C-alpha atoms as a PDB file:
ATOM      1  CA  MET A   1      -3.497 113.854  58.171  1.00  0.00           C
ATOM      2  CA  SER A   2      -3.619 115.210  61.869  1.00  0.00           C
ATOM      3  CA  SER A   3      -7.269 116.042  61.541  1.00  0.00           C
ATOM      4  CA  SER A   4      -7.961 112.446  60.979  1.00  0.00           C
ATOM      5  CA  ARG A   5      -5.881 111.297  63.914  1.00  0.00           C
ATOM      6  CA  LEU A   6      -7.681 113.981  66.100  1.00  0.00           C
ATOM      7  CA  GLY A   7     -11.086 112.589  64.807  1.00  0.00           C
ATOM      8  CA  GLU A   8     -10.140 109.097  65.466  1.00  0.00           C
ATOM      9  CA  ARG A   9      -9.168 109.839  69.009  1.00  0.00           C
ATOM     10  CA  LEU A  10     -12.251 111.866  69.755  1.00  0.00           C
ATOM     11  CA  ARG A  11     -14.518 109.077  68.533  1.00  0.00           C
ATOM     12  CA  GLU A  12     -12.407 106.456  70.314  1.00  0.00           C
ATOM     13  CA  VAL A  13     -12.740 108.085  73.695  1.00  0.00           C
ATOM     14  CA  ARG A  14     -16.377 109.091  73.196  1.00  0.00           C
ATOM     15  CA  GLU A  15     -17.364 105.612  72.318  1.00  0.00           C
ATOM     16  CA  LEU A  16     -15.251 104.003  75.155  1.00  0.00           C
ATOM     17  CA  LYS A  17     -17.208 106.183  77.450  1.00  0.00           C
ATOM     18  CA  GLY A  18     -20.454 105.166  75.933  1.00  0.00           C
ATOM     19  CA  LEU A  19     -21.423 108.747  75.147  1.00  0.00           C
ATOM     20  CA  SER A  20     -23.592 109.915  72.169  1.00  0.00           C
ATOM     21  CA  LEU A  21     -22.430 112.672  69.891  1.00  0.00           C
ATOM     22  CA  ALA A  22     -25.125 114.934  71.451  1.00  0.00           C
ATOM     23  CA  SER A  23     -24.023 114.161  75.021  1.00  0.00           C
ATOM     24  CA  VAL A  24     -20.424 115.330  74.227  1.00  0.00           C
ATOM     25  CA  ALA A  25     -21.411 118.223  71.986  1.00  0.00           C
ATOM     26  CA  LYS A  26     -23.763 120.100  74.247  1.00  0.00           C
ATOM     27  CA  PRO A  27     -21.566 120.608  77.309  1.00  0.00           C
ATOM     28  CA  SER A  28     -18.728 121.324  74.782  1.00  0.00           C
ATOM     29  CA  GLU A  29     -20.776 124.227  73.426  1.00  0.00           C
ATOM     30  CA  MET A  30     -20.831 122.862  69.891  1.00  0.00           C
ATOM     31  CA  SER A  31     -23.365 121.002  67.530  1.00  0.00           C
ATOM     32  CA  ALA A  32     -23.422 117.377  67.260  1.00  0.00           C
ATOM     33  CA  THR A  33     -22.914 117.867  63.569  1.00  0.00           C
ATOM     34  CA  TYR A  34     -19.746 119.850  64.060  1.00  0.00           C
ATOM     35  CA  LEU A  35     -18.523 117.172  66.496  1.00  0.00           C
ATOM     36  CA  GLN A  36     -19.340 114.521  63.792  1.00  0.00           C
ATOM     37  CA  LYS A  37     -17.329 116.473  61.299  1.00  0.00           C
ATOM     38  CA  LEU A  38     -14.344 116.616  63.689  1.00  0.00           C
ATOM     39  CA  GLU A  39     -14.570 112.823  64.273  1.00  0.00           C
ATOM     40  CA  ARG A  40     -14.667 112.356  60.506  1.00  0.00           C
ATOM     41  CA  GLY A  41     -11.547 114.427  60.060  1.00  0.00           C
ATOM     42  CA  ASP A  42     -13.463 117.061  57.975  1.00  0.00           C
ATOM     43  CA  VAL A  43     -12.328 119.984  60.074  1.00  0.00           C
ATOM     44  CA  GLU A  44      -8.686 121.028  59.223  1.00  0.00           C
ATOM     45  CA  SER A  45      -8.027 123.476  62.075  1.00  0.00           C
ATOM     46  CA  PRO A  46     -10.408 123.283  64.985  1.00  0.00           C
ATOM     47  CA  SER A  47      -9.975 126.288  67.375  1.00  0.00           C
ATOM     48  CA  PRO A  48      -8.077 125.666  70.576  1.00  0.00           C
ATOM     49  CA  HIS A  49     -11.231 126.903  72.496  1.00  0.00           C
ATOM     50  CA  ARG A  50     -13.183 124.034  71.013  1.00  0.00           C
ATOM     51  CA  LEU A  51     -10.499 121.537  71.724  1.00  0.00           C
ATOM     52  CA  TYR A  52     -10.242 122.724  75.330  1.00  0.00           C
ATOM     53  CA  LYS A  53     -14.040 122.290  75.819  1.00  0.00           C
ATOM     54  CA  LEU A  54     -13.898 118.824  74.418  1.00  0.00           C
ATOM     55  CA  SER A  55     -10.926 117.915  76.644  1.00  0.00           C
ATOM     56  CA  THR A  56     -12.805 119.085  79.671  1.00  0.00           C
ATOM     57  CA  THR A  57     -16.091 117.136  78.512  1.00  0.00           C
ATOM     58  CA  LEU A  58     -14.275 113.885  77.703  1.00  0.00           C
ATOM     59  CA  GLY A  59     -11.672 114.138  80.379  1.00  0.00           C
ATOM     60  CA  VAL A  60      -8.703 113.862  77.992  1.00  0.00           C
ATOM     61  CA  ASP A  61      -5.418 115.817  78.063  1.00  0.00           C
ATOM     62  CA  TYR A  62      -5.776 119.224  76.302  1.00  0.00           C
ATOM     63  CA  GLY A  63      -2.174 119.131  75.073  1.00  0.00           C
ATOM     64  CA  ASP A  64      -2.786 115.789  73.467  1.00  0.00           C
ATOM     65  CA  LEU A  65      -5.816 117.152  71.459  1.00  0.00           C
ATOM     66  CA  MET A  66      -3.869 120.226  70.485  1.00  0.00           C
ATOM     67  CA  GLN A  67      -0.951 118.119  69.205  1.00  0.00           C
ATOM     68  CA  LEU A  68      -3.283 115.796  67.349  1.00  0.00           C
ATOM     69  CA  ALA A  69      -4.846 118.830  65.704  1.00  0.00           C
ATOM     70  CA  GLY A  70      -1.458 119.841  64.384  1.00  0.00           C
ATOM     71  CA  TYR A  71      -0.607 122.712  66.844  1.00  0.00           C
ATOM     72  CA  VAL A  72       2.907 122.738  68.471  1.00  0.00           C
ATOM     73  CA  VAL A  73       2.611 122.211  72.194  1.00  0.00           C
ATOM     74  CA  PRO A  74       5.975 122.234  73.942  1.00  0.00           C
ATOM     75  CA  ASP A  75       5.223 119.795  76.836  1.00  0.00           C
ATOM     76  CA  THR A  76       3.759 117.224  74.571  1.00  0.00           C
ATOM     77  CA  ALA A  77       5.932 117.499  71.609  1.00  0.00           C
ATOM     78  CA  SER A  78       8.186 114.662  72.720  1.00  0.00           C
ATOM     79  CA  ARG A  79       5.408 112.298  73.304  1.00  0.00           C
ATOM     80  CA  THR A  80       5.339 109.259  71.000  1.00  0.00           C
ATOM     81  CA  ASP A  81       2.309 107.647  69.499  1.00  0.00           C
ATOM     82  CA  GLU A  82       2.613 104.784  71.800  1.00  0.00           C
ATOM     83  CA  GLU A  83       2.317 107.117  74.823  1.00  0.00           C
ATOM     84  CA  SER A  84      -0.792 108.598  73.347  1.00  0.00           C
ATOM     85  CA  GLU A  85      -2.345 105.192  72.706  1.00  0.00           C
ATOM     86  CA  VAL A  86      -1.933 104.492  76.449  1.00  0.00           C
ATOM     87  CA  ASN A  87      -4.023 107.498  77.245  1.00  0.00           C
ATOM     88  CA  VAL A  88      -6.895 106.030  75.329  1.00  0.00           C
ATOM     89  CA  LEU A  89      -6.491 102.776  77.332  1.00  0.00           C
ATOM     90  CA  ALA A  90      -6.461 104.773  80.544  1.00  0.00           C
ATOM     91  CA  GLN A  91      -9.809 106.423  79.377  1.00  0.00           C
ATOM     92  CA  ALA A  92     -11.312 103.059  78.980  1.00  0.00           C
ATOM     93  CA  LEU A  93     -10.095 101.735  82.358  1.00  0.00           C
ATOM     94  CA  ASN A  94     -11.191 104.922  84.056  1.00  0.00           C
ATOM     95  CA  ALA A  95     -14.761 105.122  82.640  1.00  0.00           C
ATOM     96  CA  PRO A  96     -17.375 105.842  85.288  1.00  0.00           C
ATOM     97  CA  GLU A  97     -19.162 102.480  84.708  1.00  0.00           C
ATOM     98  CA  GLY A  98     -15.815 100.555  84.957  1.00  0.00           C
ATOM     99  CA  LEU A  99     -15.154  97.339  83.233  1.00  0.00           C
ATOM    100  CA  SER A 100     -17.404  94.267  83.416  1.00  0.00           C
ATOM    101  CA  GLY A 101     -15.901  90.919  84.389  1.00  0.00           C
ATOM    102  CA  ASP A 102     -16.268  89.721  80.760  1.00  0.00           C
ATOM    103  CA  GLU A 103     -14.414  92.861  79.502  1.00  0.00           C
ATOM    104  CA  VAL A 104     -11.637  92.365  82.013  1.00  0.00           C
ATOM    105  CA  GLN A 105     -11.331  88.721  80.997  1.00  0.00           C
ATOM    106  CA  ALA A 106     -11.199  89.689  77.274  1.00  0.00           C
ATOM    107  CA  LEU A 107      -8.608  92.331  77.832  1.00  0.00           C
ATOM    108  CA  ALA A 108      -6.462  89.825  79.757  1.00  0.00           C
ATOM    109  CA  GLU A 109      -6.711  87.215  76.980  1.00  0.00           C
ATOM    110  CA  TYR A 110      -5.869  89.830  74.261  1.00  0.00           C
ATOM    111  CA  LEU A 111      -2.927  91.202  76.284  1.00  0.00           C
ATOM    112  CA  ALA A 112      -1.687  87.462  76.641  1.00  0.00           C
ATOM    113  CA  PHE A 113      -2.109  87.088  72.915  1.00  0.00           C
ATOM    114  CA  ILE A 114      -0.183  90.252  71.888  1.00  0.00           C
ATOM    115  CA  ARG A 115       2.600  89.295  74.285  1.00  0.00           C
ATOM    116  CA  GLN A 116       2.802  85.680  72.882  1.00  0.00           C
ATOM    117  CA  ARG A 117       2.900  87.115  69.257  1.00  0.00           C
ATOM    118  CA  LYS A 118       5.515  89.678  70.221  1.00  0.00           C
ATOM    119  CA  ALA A 119       7.833  86.935  71.825  1.00  0.00           C
ATOM    120  CA  ARG A 120       7.996  85.058  68.557  1.00  0.00           C
END
């Protein structure tokens, strides 16, 4: 279960940043094939060393990746799934290319929709 959540998160962040498998794998010192297996949830226990390299390359919190991989991490153990989802949004908002005007408008409309639905 945790390997699929880790894989989903890795893929989300990579795609939000507009990066290819190869452009993440190489600086993370792994093959694109291995990264693809991680993203699919096919790797049950990725090494902390590999997770650290990915966290550095993708600019995500190492503790979050360790927790998603099923490791016990004291300072992130109390984080909720909702708090982790906020981190994914922060990644998108902090992408080097920024958000286009259309993306900002779409996010605003979607947020208004979610809030309206929640108010019902």
